[in-house]
Amino acid sequence: MSQYTIDRAFKLIDSQKFAEAMPLLIDLHDQDPTNARVNYGLGLAYLFFGQPGRAVPHLASAAKAAKKEAAVHTTLASALNLNAQSEEALAPARKGVALDGKSEYTQRVLGQVYADLRKPVMAKQAFERALSAEPKSARSQLGLYEVEKSLGHSETAEDCLHAAFGLSPEDPLVLVSAANSSDETLRENALTGIERILSTVPEGAAHPEIAKLSFAAGKILDDRQDLEKAFHYFDKYRAGLYRGYQPERYEWFVQTCKTVFTGDFFKSREDFALSSARPVFVVGMPQSGAPLIEKMVSSHHDAAAAGEVPVFLQAIGEFTKGQPHGPALFDHALALDKRTVQRIGRKYLASLGKLDRRSRLMVDATPLSFEYLWLLALLFPNASFVHTTRSAADTCLDLYRTPLPAEHTYNTDQTSLGHYHGQKLDLMDHWQNVLPVKLLEQSFEALVADPKSEGQALIGHLGLTWHADCLAPFGKDGREGSVKTSENKLPTPGKWEDYKSQIQPLLKALERSSA
């Protein structure tokens, strides 16, 4: 192995030329898979390209060898956290701080892990220590902004965002956050900065950071009703986030679910079940109303919000080697034994326990969990299941304008999005017919129009007694239109009508998928 090649690869990394460094690193790794420095470089490269799942094993290998290197452990923690493995990220994040507690980087990553574990007080303390180490850290100010926002301290949060922008007005993460500011001047300044960066991007460039900047520009222009220009940005750089959606493969996945996960499949495995009735699984497409249901139910004194719990996704990812829609899923599902299934279930319940030990029910609103409802129903037939639905056009419009994680490959373009939505409806029809659980269909539009009556039915489905606190997300009077999220008013039903000219490919795809 050439030391010169290793040094050259890291010089390229230092210059942010990851595309040039990657083939060198892959070749070096083939020569010596255990080399800590090469593994660290590969981990950094995969992170740069928005692939934390691929970065984790390389960084974990590097951390085993570089036991005293704070940056290695901290980067591993960051990759785990970005891969929705916040619990696993806590140990290496703490180790990074233990090795170098005066580092802005180690404290900032620890703060982000605490924030994603929903420990805002500890997160705030870590971000403040990061700023003590480096007062000019825009990223730490940005971390504080997110924490203060989560605590409902909107003015303090805005101060942090302004501070971050003042420190680093060209930082893509700062610009993306500034696009959501309540300060119109800051938003305009952010748009100017984003457009300046995007004007230098080569035609056809595909990178997550560029894509998120483009989405941020689109959001600002969308809010000011400049729809033609907004969709120019929504359309142009999507390949930086999404790629690889294969309609035929997904159709095969749905059809195979129908063949494998039959009534007999569940009946022959009734003894796999755990007795717990604690989970409330809210399933459906992202942007279809799950956060509203989660807020409503968790306003009840006997329930709490679990957010998105990644245990099942991780389990499926492990036994399918990252191909959740391929043959390995069904081979493994048919071969699963009682002990293995219940181990997954107990790990899930333990995760809920770490979030809240007192509440009778915990609401899990993990996006796309409808794809593995077979496993949820197999393990927890006594749990509550809610399928949240919303107008297909409204749901897909909001999805198209949202920068989701890379695994949402169906969001590649309007046609793929419409196709996926149709397949989802087909799969949900199958689940309704075969799952050994009662699946409540909850319309977002109906809930917004009549929150009290719909809410009473929803709370009753969960086995709870109705309480007026459940109307809290709708404002004091519970009137239609008063619904709030942490950011803005929820969209009104039928909003897609305002975008007809921009979403013709989507509407045609939805029409085909429902035929």
Protein backbone atom coordinates (compact mmCIF):
# COMPACT_ATOMS: atom_id res chain seq x y z
CA MET A 1 0.00 0.00 0.00
CA SER A 2 1.37 3.39 -1.02
CA GLN A 3 1.66 6.01 1.73
CA TYR A 4 1.91 8.56 -1.06
CA THR A 5 -1.55 7.53 -2.34
CA ILE A 6 -3.03 7.77 1.15
CA ASP A 7 -1.57 11.24 1.62
CA ARG A 8 -2.84 12.28 -1.81
CA ALA A 9 -6.35 11.04 -0.99
CA PHE A 10 -6.42 13.07 2.22
CA LYS A 11 -5.15 16.18 0.45
CA LEU A 12 -8.12 15.83 -1.87
CA ILE A 13 -10.42 15.41 1.14
CA ASP A 14 -8.96 18.53 2.74
CA SER A 15 -9.76 20.37 -0.51
CA GLN A 16 -13.33 18.98 -0.51
CA LYS A 17 -12.59 17.03 -3.70
CA PHE A 18 -14.32 13.89 -2.50
CA ALA A 19 -15.26 12.67 -5.99
CA GLU A 20 -11.56 12.46 -6.83
CA ALA A 21 -10.60 10.98 -3.45
CA MET A 22 -13.22 8.22 -3.48
CA PRO A 23 -11.71 5.90 -6.15
CA LEU A 24 -8.29 6.19 -4.52
CA LEU A 25 -9.75 5.29 -1.13
CA ILE A 26 -11.74 2.35 -2.50
CA ASP A 27 -8.62 0.97 -4.18
CA LEU A 28 -6.62 1.41 -0.96
CA HIS A 29 -9.36 -0.30 1.03
CA ASP A 30 -9.31 -3.27 -1.35
CA GLN A 31 -5.58 -3.60 -0.61
CA ASP A 32 -5.97 -3.33 3.17
CA PRO A 33 -9.55 -3.35 4.55
CA THR A 34 -8.31 -2.84 8.12
CA ASN A 35 -6.30 0.33 7.56
CA ALA A 36 -7.76 2.85 10.03
CA ARG A 37 -6.82 5.96 8.09
CA VAL A 38 -8.29 4.63 4.85
CA ASN A 39 -11.50 3.62 6.62
CA TYR A 40 -11.72 7.06 8.18
CA GLY A 41 -11.29 8.68 4.77
CA LEU A 42 -13.99 6.46 3.25
CA GLY A 43 -16.31 7.34 6.13
CA LEU A 44 -15.77 11.04 5.51
CA ALA A 45 -16.38 10.60 1.78
CA TYR A 46 -19.62 8.69 2.26
CA LEU A 47 -20.82 11.34 4.70
CA PHE A 48 -20.04 14.03 2.15
CA PHE A 49 -22.19 12.22 -0.41
CA GLY A 50 -25.07 11.91 2.06
CA GLN A 51 -24.69 8.17 2.73
CA PRO A 52 -24.26 7.83 6.52
CA GLY A 53 -25.30 4.18 6.46
CA ARG A 54 -22.31 3.34 4.26
CA ALA A 55 -20.04 5.57 6.33
CA VAL A 56 -20.80 3.87 9.66
CA PRO A 57 -18.95 0.52 9.20
CA HIS A 58 -15.82 2.27 7.93
CA LEU A 59 -15.82 4.79 10.78
CA ALA A 60 -16.52 2.05 13.34
CA SER A 61 -13.51 0.12 12.01
CA ALA A 62 -11.35 3.26 12.22
CA ALA A 63 -12.53 3.97 15.78
CA LYS A 64 -11.52 0.50 16.94
CA ALA A 65 -7.97 1.14 15.85
CA ALA A 66 -7.75 4.85 16.70
CA LYS A 67 -8.88 4.57 20.30
CA LYS A 68 -7.45 7.93 21.36
CA GLU A 69 -8.50 10.01 18.35
CA ALA A 70 -11.40 12.25 19.41
CA ALA A 71 -12.25 13.29 15.84
CA VAL A 72 -12.67 9.67 14.70
CA HIS A 73 -15.08 8.78 17.51
CA THR A 74 -16.99 12.02 17.06
CA THR A 75 -17.33 11.50 13.31
CA LEU A 76 -18.61 7.98 13.96
CA ALA A 77 -21.19 9.47 16.35
CA SER A 78 -22.23 11.99 13.71
CA ALA A 79 -22.68 9.28 11.07
CA LEU A 80 -24.73 7.09 13.43
CA ASN A 81 -26.89 10.04 14.36
CA LEU A 82 -27.47 10.97 10.73
CA ASN A 83 -28.39 7.33 10.10
CA ALA A 84 -31.18 7.57 12.73
CA GLN A 85 -29.13 5.60 15.26
CA SER A 86 -29.01 8.27 17.94
CA GLU A 87 -28.94 5.83 20.84
CA GLU A 88 -25.90 4.07 19.39
CA ALA A 89 -24.32 7.47 18.64
CA LEU A 90 -24.31 8.59 22.27
CA ALA A 91 -21.37 6.42 23.41
CA PRO A 92 -18.89 7.51 20.70
CA ALA A 93 -20.08 11.12 21.07
CA ARG A 94 -19.34 11.01 24.79
CA LYS A 95 -16.01 9.35 24.13
CA GLY A 96 -15.06 12.12 21.73
CA VAL A 97 -15.80 14.69 24.43
CA ALA A 98 -13.90 12.65 27.02
CA LEU A 99 -10.85 12.63 24.74
CA ASP A 100 -11.10 16.33 23.87
CA GLY A 101 -13.67 18.25 25.89
CA LYS A 102 -12.36 21.61 24.69
CA SER A 103 -13.16 20.87 21.06
CA GLU A 104 -16.05 22.73 19.43
CA TYR A 105 -16.60 19.74 17.14
CA THR A 106 -16.91 17.10 19.86
CA GLN A 107 -19.26 19.25 21.95
CA ARG A 108 -21.38 20.21 18.93
CA VAL A 109 -21.87 16.62 17.79
CA LEU A 110 -22.75 15.58 21.35
CA GLY A 111 -25.30 18.41 21.38
CA GLN A 112 -26.83 17.19 18.14
CA VAL A 113 -27.09 13.64 19.46
CA TYR A 114 -28.80 14.86 22.63
CA ALA A 115 -31.15 17.00 20.53
CA ASP A 116 -32.15 14.01 18.39
CA LEU A 117 -32.63 11.93 21.54
CA ARG A 118 -35.05 14.66 22.64
CA LYS A 119 -32.93 15.81 25.56
CA PRO A 120 -33.01 19.57 24.82
CA VAL A 121 -31.54 20.75 28.12
CA MET A 122 -28.46 18.56 27.74
CA ALA A 123 -28.24 19.49 24.06
CA LYS A 124 -28.31 23.17 24.90
CA GLN A 125 -25.53 22.75 27.45
CA ALA A 126 -23.36 20.94 24.90
CA PHE A 127 -23.92 23.61 22.24
CA GLU A 128 -23.08 26.33 24.76
CA ARG A 129 -19.84 24.52 25.62
CA ALA A 130 -19.10 24.31 21.90
CA LEU A 131 -19.55 28.06 21.60
CA SER A 132 -17.32 28.62 24.60
CA ALA A 133 -14.63 26.65 22.77
CA GLU A 134 -15.24 28.51 19.50
CA PRO A 135 -17.46 31.62 19.78
CA LYS A 136 -17.49 32.06 16.00
CA SER A 137 -18.98 28.63 15.25
CA ALA A 138 -22.01 29.13 13.01
CA ARG A 139 -22.84 25.41 13.21
CA SER A 140 -23.07 25.55 17.01
CA GLN A 141 -25.30 28.62 16.80
CA LEU A 142 -27.41 26.66 14.36
CA GLY A 143 -27.63 23.78 16.83
CA LEU A 144 -28.79 26.20 19.53
CA TYR A 145 -31.35 27.61 17.10
CA GLU A 146 -32.91 24.17 16.61
CA VAL A 147 -32.95 23.45 20.36
CA GLU A 148 -34.48 26.80 21.29
CA LYS A 149 -37.07 26.32 18.56
CA SER A 150 -37.97 22.88 19.92
CA LEU A 151 -38.41 24.42 23.37
CA GLY A 152 -40.80 27.01 21.98
CA HIS A 153 -38.38 29.91 22.52
CA SER A 154 -39.01 31.47 19.10
CA GLU A 155 -37.36 34.84 19.73
CA THR A 156 -34.21 33.31 21.21
CA ALA A 157 -34.11 30.82 18.35
CA GLU A 158 -34.29 33.62 15.78
CA ASP A 159 -31.43 35.42 17.56
CA CYS A 160 -29.31 32.27 17.21
CA LEU A 161 -30.21 31.95 13.53
CA HIS A 162 -29.26 35.57 12.88
CA ALA A 163 -25.99 35.02 14.71
CA ALA A 164 -25.24 31.94 12.60
CA PHE A 165 -25.99 33.84 9.39
CA GLY A 166 -23.80 36.74 10.49
CA LEU A 167 -20.93 34.38 11.19
CA SER A 168 -21.20 32.26 8.03
CA PRO A 169 -23.61 33.61 5.40
CA GLU A 170 -22.28 31.16 2.78
CA ASP A 171 -22.68 28.00 4.89
CA PRO A 172 -25.26 25.79 3.12
CA LEU A 173 -26.76 24.52 6.40
CA VAL A 174 -27.17 28.09 7.64
CA LEU A 175 -28.78 29.15 4.37
CA VAL A 176 -31.22 26.22 4.44
CA SER A 177 -32.29 27.11 7.99
CA ALA A 178 -32.55 30.80 7.13
CA ALA A 179 -35.06 29.90 4.43
CA ASN A 180 -37.47 29.00 7.27
CA SER A 181 -36.94 32.22 9.22
CA SER A 182 -39.85 34.43 10.19
CA ASP A 183 -37.69 37.43 9.26
CA GLU A 184 -38.43 38.35 5.64
CA THR A 185 -35.16 40.26 5.29
CA LEU A 186 -33.16 37.25 6.41
CA ARG A 187 -35.07 35.04 3.99
CA GLU A 188 -34.32 37.42 1.13
CA ASN A 189 -30.65 37.52 2.06
CA ALA A 190 -30.65 33.72 2.21
CA LEU A 191 -32.21 33.50 -1.26
CA THR A 192 -29.56 35.82 -2.66
CA GLY A 193 -26.82 33.68 -1.11
CA ILE A 194 -28.35 30.43 -2.35
CA GLU A 195 -28.81 31.68 -5.89
CA ARG A 196 -25.22 32.93 -5.93
CA ILE A 197 -23.97 29.45 -4.96
CA LEU A 198 -26.27 27.62 -7.38
CA SER A 199 -25.17 29.85 -10.25
CA THR A 200 -21.69 28.33 -9.94
CA VAL A 201 -22.88 24.70 -9.94
CA PRO A 202 -22.09 22.78 -13.15
CA GLU A 203 -25.04 21.56 -15.19
CA GLY A 204 -26.12 18.08 -14.09
CA ALA A 205 -24.34 18.23 -10.72
CA ALA A 206 -25.89 15.90 -8.15
CA HIS A 207 -25.07 16.39 -4.50
CA PRO A 208 -27.25 16.41 -1.34
CA GLU A 209 -26.01 19.82 -0.21
CA ILE A 210 -26.81 21.41 -3.58
CA ALA A 211 -30.22 19.74 -3.65
CA LYS A 212 -31.12 21.06 -0.20
CA LEU A 213 -30.06 24.57 -1.18
CA SER A 214 -32.27 24.31 -4.24
CA PHE A 215 -35.23 23.16 -2.15
CA ALA A 216 -34.63 26.08 0.23
CA ALA A 217 -34.68 28.56 -2.65
CA GLY A 218 -37.85 26.93 -3.93
CA LYS A 219 -39.52 27.29 -0.53
CA ILE A 220 -38.81 31.02 -0.30
CA LEU A 221 -40.11 31.61 -3.83
CA ASP A 222 -43.11 29.35 -3.21
CA ASP A 223 -44.04 31.39 -0.14
CA ARG A 224 -44.00 34.56 -2.22
CA GLN A 225 -46.17 32.84 -4.87
CA ASP A 226 -43.52 32.88 -7.59
CA LEU A 227 -44.48 29.34 -8.53
CA GLU A 228 -42.77 29.09 -11.90
CA LYS A 229 -39.39 29.98 -10.44
CA ALA A 230 -40.03 27.95 -7.28
CA PHE A 231 -40.62 24.77 -9.31
CA HIS A 232 -37.54 25.49 -11.35
CA TYR A 233 -35.61 24.95 -8.12
CA PHE A 234 -37.79 22.08 -6.89
CA ASP A 235 -37.17 20.27 -10.19
CA LYS A 236 -33.55 20.99 -11.03
CA TYR A 237 -31.24 19.31 -8.51
CA ARG A 238 -33.40 16.48 -7.13
CA ALA A 239 -30.91 13.85 -8.29
CA GLY A 240 -28.63 15.03 -5.50
CA LEU A 241 -31.06 13.53 -2.98
CA TYR A 242 -33.04 10.89 -4.82
CA ARG A 243 -32.12 8.30 -7.38
CA GLY A 244 -32.67 4.66 -8.14
CA TYR A 245 -36.48 4.34 -7.93
CA GLN A 246 -37.53 1.36 -10.04
CA PRO A 247 -41.32 1.22 -10.61
CA GLU A 248 -41.32 -2.40 -11.76
CA ARG A 249 -39.27 -3.49 -8.75
CA TYR A 250 -41.60 -1.75 -6.34
CA GLU A 251 -44.63 -3.28 -8.03
CA TRP A 252 -42.96 -6.66 -7.59
CA PHE A 253 -42.44 -5.88 -3.90
CA VAL A 254 -46.11 -5.05 -3.37
CA GLN A 255 -47.33 -8.10 -5.27
CA THR A 256 -44.94 -10.37 -3.35
CA CYS A 257 -46.21 -8.92 -0.06
CA LYS A 258 -49.66 -10.08 -1.12
CA THR A 259 -48.36 -13.55 -1.89
CA VAL A 260 -46.22 -14.05 1.22
CA PHE A 261 -48.05 -12.15 3.96
CA THR A 262 -51.39 -13.92 3.88
CA GLY A 263 -53.87 -14.69 6.63
CA ASP A 264 -52.24 -18.10 7.00
CA PHE A 265 -48.83 -16.45 7.50
CA PHE A 266 -50.12 -14.64 10.58
CA LYS A 267 -52.26 -17.49 11.87
CA SER A 268 -49.33 -19.92 11.84
CA ARG A 269 -47.22 -17.46 13.84
CA GLU A 270 -49.68 -16.32 16.51
CA ASP A 271 -47.28 -17.40 19.24
CA PHE A 272 -44.69 -14.86 18.00
CA ALA A 273 -46.73 -12.04 19.57
CA LEU A 274 -45.73 -10.01 22.59
CA SER A 275 -48.48 -8.98 24.98
CA SER A 276 -47.71 -5.26 25.16
CA ALA A 277 -50.47 -2.85 24.14
CA ARG A 278 -48.28 0.21 24.66
CA PRO A 279 -47.42 1.17 21.05
CA VAL A 280 -49.70 3.30 18.91
CA PHE A 281 -48.51 2.90 15.33
CA VAL A 282 -49.52 5.78 13.05
CA VAL A 283 -48.75 4.70 9.49
CA GLY A 284 -49.12 6.31 6.09
CA MET A 285 -47.32 8.45 3.57
CA PRO A 286 -45.18 11.30 4.87
CA GLN A 287 -47.12 14.61 4.72
CA SER A 288 -50.43 12.77 5.17
CA GLY A 289 -51.19 14.02 8.69
CA ALA A 290 -49.29 11.75 11.09
CA PRO A 291 -47.73 14.66 13.09
CA LEU A 292 -51.21 16.09 13.79
CA ILE A 293 -52.47 12.73 15.06
CA GLU A 294 -49.33 12.33 17.17
CA LYS A 295 -49.83 15.79 18.72
CA MET A 296 -53.49 15.14 19.39
CA VAL A 297 -53.02 11.75 21.04
CA SER A 298 -49.93 12.77 23.02
CA SER A 299 -51.91 15.71 24.46
CA HIS A 300 -53.82 13.07 26.45
CA HIS A 301 -52.43 12.56 29.95
CA ASP A 302 -52.12 8.81 29.36
CA ALA A 303 -50.08 9.07 26.15
CA ALA A 304 -46.75 10.46 24.95
CA ALA A 305 -45.09 11.03 21.58
CA ALA A 306 -42.28 8.66 20.62
CA GLY A 307 -41.51 10.45 17.36
CA GLU A 308 -39.84 8.17 14.83
CA VAL A 309 -38.42 4.99 16.34
CA PRO A 310 -35.98 3.35 13.89
CA VAL A 311 -35.71 -0.13 15.47
CA PHE A 312 -37.75 -1.96 12.83
CA LEU A 313 -36.16 -0.14 9.91
CA GLN A 314 -32.73 -1.04 11.26
CA ALA A 315 -33.69 -4.69 11.73
CA ILE A 316 -35.04 -4.96 8.20
CA GLY A 317 -32.00 -3.13 6.85
CA GLU A 318 -29.71 -5.64 8.56
CA PHE A 319 -31.32 -8.78 7.27
CA THR A 320 -31.89 -7.43 3.76
CA LYS A 321 -28.42 -5.83 3.53
CA GLY A 322 -29.97 -2.49 2.71
CA GLN A 323 -32.35 -3.83 0.03
CA PRO A 324 -35.74 -3.72 1.84
CA HIS A 325 -37.78 -4.30 -1.32
CA GLY A 326 -35.80 -7.27 -2.65
CA PRO A 327 -36.09 -11.06 -2.37
CA ALA A 328 -34.01 -11.19 0.82
CA LEU A 329 -36.86 -9.56 2.76
CA PHE A 330 -39.29 -12.35 1.97
CA ASP A 331 -36.74 -15.13 2.38
CA HIS A 332 -35.86 -13.80 5.81
CA ALA A 333 -39.48 -13.12 6.80
CA LEU A 334 -40.43 -16.74 6.05
CA ALA A 335 -37.39 -18.04 7.94
CA LEU A 336 -37.80 -15.87 11.05
CA ASP A 337 -38.25 -17.80 14.27
CA LYS A 338 -40.12 -16.76 17.39
CA ARG A 339 -36.98 -15.94 19.38
CA THR A 340 -35.56 -13.61 16.71
CA VAL A 341 -38.84 -11.78 16.17
CA GLN A 342 -39.41 -11.26 19.88
CA ARG A 343 -35.85 -10.01 20.33
CA ILE A 344 -36.67 -7.23 17.84
CA GLY A 345 -39.91 -6.49 19.68
CA ARG A 346 -38.24 -6.27 23.08
CA LYS A 347 -35.58 -3.96 21.70
CA TYR A 348 -38.36 -1.76 20.39
CA LEU A 349 -40.15 -1.68 23.75
CA ALA A 350 -36.85 -0.87 25.45
CA SER A 351 -36.45 2.12 23.11
CA LEU A 352 -39.91 3.34 24.08
CA GLY A 353 -38.97 2.91 27.74
CA LYS A 354 -35.92 5.11 27.33
CA LEU A 355 -38.11 7.87 25.93
CA ASP A 356 -40.85 7.64 28.55
CA ARG A 357 -41.41 5.13 31.35
CA ARG A 358 -44.72 6.40 32.70
CA SER A 359 -47.17 6.93 29.87
CA ARG A 360 -49.62 4.15 29.16
CA LEU A 361 -49.38 4.64 25.38
CA MET A 362 -46.53 5.80 23.13
CA VAL A 363 -47.27 7.16 19.66
CA ASP A 364 -44.83 6.06 16.96
CA ALA A 365 -45.25 8.02 13.71
CA THR A 366 -42.32 6.63 11.70
CA PRO A 367 -42.74 7.46 7.99
CA LEU A 368 -43.25 4.56 5.58
CA SER A 369 -43.84 2.06 8.39
CA PHE A 370 -46.81 0.83 6.33
CA GLU A 371 -44.25 -1.12 4.26
CA TYR A 372 -43.47 -3.43 7.19
CA LEU A 373 -46.87 -3.55 8.89
CA TRP A 374 -46.61 -7.33 8.70
CA LEU A 375 -43.87 -7.26 11.35
CA LEU A 376 -45.63 -4.72 13.59
CA ALA A 377 -48.87 -6.68 13.54
CA LEU A 378 -47.07 -9.99 14.08
CA LEU A 379 -45.36 -8.68 17.20
CA PHE A 380 -47.99 -6.38 18.67
CA PRO A 381 -51.54 -7.56 17.92
CA ASN A 382 -52.70 -5.79 21.10
CA ALA A 383 -51.27 -2.43 19.99
CA SER A 384 -53.31 0.32 18.31
CA PHE A 385 -52.96 0.98 14.59
CA VAL A 386 -54.00 4.15 12.76
CA HIS A 387 -53.71 4.67 9.01
CA THR A 388 -53.62 8.39 8.28
CA THR A 389 -54.94 9.41 4.87
CA ARG A 390 -55.06 12.67 2.96
CA SER A 391 -55.85 13.80 -0.55
CA ALA A 392 -53.34 12.15 -2.89
CA ALA A 393 -52.65 15.40 -4.74
CA ASP A 394 -52.14 17.42 -1.54
CA THR A 395 -49.93 14.73 -0.01
CA CYS A 396 -47.74 14.36 -3.09
CA LEU A 397 -47.52 18.11 -3.68
CA ASP A 398 -46.11 18.61 -0.18
CA LEU A 399 -43.78 15.64 -0.60
CA TYR A 400 -42.45 16.98 -3.88
CA ARG A 401 -41.55 20.28 -2.21
CA THR A 402 -39.85 18.62 0.77
CA PRO A 403 -36.18 17.49 0.95
CA LEU A 404 -36.54 14.01 2.45
CA PRO A 405 -33.74 11.56 3.32
CA ALA A 406 -32.17 9.65 0.44
CA GLU A 407 -34.08 6.41 1.09
CA HIS A 408 -37.27 8.11 -0.20
CA THR A 409 -36.22 7.31 -3.76
CA TYR A 410 -39.83 7.50 -5.00
CA ASN A 411 -39.49 11.30 -4.73
CA THR A 412 -37.17 11.34 -7.75
CA ASP A 413 -39.74 13.15 -9.91
CA GLN A 414 -43.47 13.78 -10.11
CA THR A 415 -44.16 10.61 -12.09
CA SER A 416 -42.32 8.32 -9.69
CA LEU A 417 -44.06 9.99 -6.75
CA GLY A 418 -47.51 9.40 -8.24
CA HIS A 419 -46.64 5.80 -9.02
CA TYR A 420 -45.44 5.11 -5.49
CA HIS A 421 -48.58 6.61 -3.96
CA GLY A 422 -50.73 4.27 -6.03
CA GLN A 423 -48.70 1.27 -4.94
CA LYS A 424 -49.01 2.36 -1.32
CA LEU A 425 -52.82 2.36 -1.62
CA ASP A 426 -52.69 -1.12 -3.15
CA LEU A 427 -50.53 -2.41 -0.29
CA MET A 428 -52.74 -0.81 2.36
CA ASP A 429 -55.80 -2.52 0.86
CA HIS A 430 -54.00 -5.83 1.29
CA TRP A 431 -53.03 -5.09 4.90
CA GLN A 432 -56.63 -4.18 5.74
CA ASN A 433 -57.72 -7.61 4.51
CA VAL A 434 -55.11 -9.84 6.16
CA LEU A 435 -53.58 -8.23 9.26
CA PRO A 436 -54.72 -9.66 12.61
CA VAL A 437 -55.30 -6.13 13.96
CA LYS A 438 -57.93 -3.42 13.62
CA LEU A 439 -56.56 -0.64 11.45
CA LEU A 440 -58.40 2.67 11.90
CA GLU A 441 -58.56 4.85 8.77
CA GLN A 442 -58.18 8.49 9.85
CA SER A 443 -58.77 11.19 7.27
CA PHE A 444 -56.66 14.32 7.73
CA GLU A 445 -59.35 16.46 6.08
CA ALA A 446 -62.07 15.08 8.37
CA LEU A 447 -59.93 15.66 11.45
CA VAL A 448 -59.29 19.28 10.50
CA ALA A 449 -62.95 19.90 9.66
CA ASP A 450 -64.39 18.35 12.84
CA PRO A 451 -61.61 17.80 15.39
CA LYS A 452 -63.87 17.01 18.33
CA SER A 453 -66.02 14.28 16.77
CA GLU A 454 -63.13 12.76 14.82
CA GLY A 455 -60.85 13.07 17.82
CA GLN A 456 -63.31 11.30 20.10
CA ALA A 457 -63.49 8.37 17.68
CA LEU A 458 -59.70 8.30 17.40
CA ILE A 459 -59.12 8.40 21.17
CA GLY A 460 -61.80 5.75 21.67
CA HIS A 461 -60.06 3.48 19.16
CA LEU A 462 -56.96 3.66 21.36
CA GLY A 463 -58.92 2.57 24.42
CA LEU A 464 -58.62 5.93 26.16
CA THR A 465 -61.30 8.13 27.69
CA TRP A 466 -61.87 11.37 25.82
CA HIS A 467 -60.31 14.49 27.31
CA ALA A 468 -60.59 18.07 26.08
CA ASP A 469 -56.77 18.37 26.25
CA CYS A 470 -56.68 16.40 23.00
CA LEU A 471 -57.96 19.50 21.20
CA ALA A 472 -54.82 21.43 22.21
CA PRO A 473 -53.23 21.25 18.72
CA PHE A 474 -56.31 22.98 17.31
CA GLY A 475 -56.17 26.06 19.53
CA LYS A 476 -58.33 26.93 22.50
CA ASP A 477 -61.64 26.75 20.66
CA GLY A 478 -60.84 23.75 18.48
CA ARG A 479 -62.20 25.50 15.41
CA GLU A 480 -61.40 24.48 11.87
CA GLY A 481 -58.39 26.34 10.55
CA SER A 482 -56.77 26.99 13.91
CA VAL A 483 -54.50 23.96 13.67
CA LYS A 484 -50.84 24.82 14.25
CA THR A 485 -47.59 23.00 13.84
CA SER A 486 -44.38 24.14 15.52
CA GLU A 487 -43.70 26.28 12.45
CA ASN A 488 -46.82 27.36 10.63
CA LYS A 489 -50.47 26.74 10.10
CA LEU A 490 -51.15 23.37 8.57
CA PRO A 491 -52.09 23.48 4.88
CA THR A 492 -55.74 23.75 3.99
CA PRO A 493 -57.32 20.84 2.09
CA GLY A 494 -57.34 21.26 -1.67
CA LYS A 495 -54.20 23.39 -1.79
CA TRP A 496 -53.00 21.43 -4.83
CA GLU A 497 -55.55 23.32 -6.98
CA ASP A 498 -53.30 26.39 -6.79
CA TYR A 499 -50.45 24.39 -8.35
CA LYS A 500 -52.24 22.68 -11.24
CA SER A 501 -49.97 24.15 -13.89
CA GLN A 502 -46.82 23.02 -12.07
CA ILE A 503 -47.90 19.45 -11.20
CA GLN A 504 -49.43 18.09 -14.40
CA PRO A 505 -47.02 15.08 -14.52
CA LEU A 506 -47.98 14.25 -10.92
CA LEU A 507 -51.71 14.50 -11.57
CA LYS A 508 -51.41 12.27 -14.63
CA ALA A 509 -49.37 9.71 -12.66
CA LEU A 510 -51.95 9.70 -9.85
CA GLU A 511 -54.72 9.21 -12.39
CA ARG A 512 -52.88 6.25 -13.93
CA SER A 513 -52.10 4.70 -10.55
CA SER A 514 -55.73 4.84 -9.43
CA ALA A 515 -57.10 3.40 -12.67
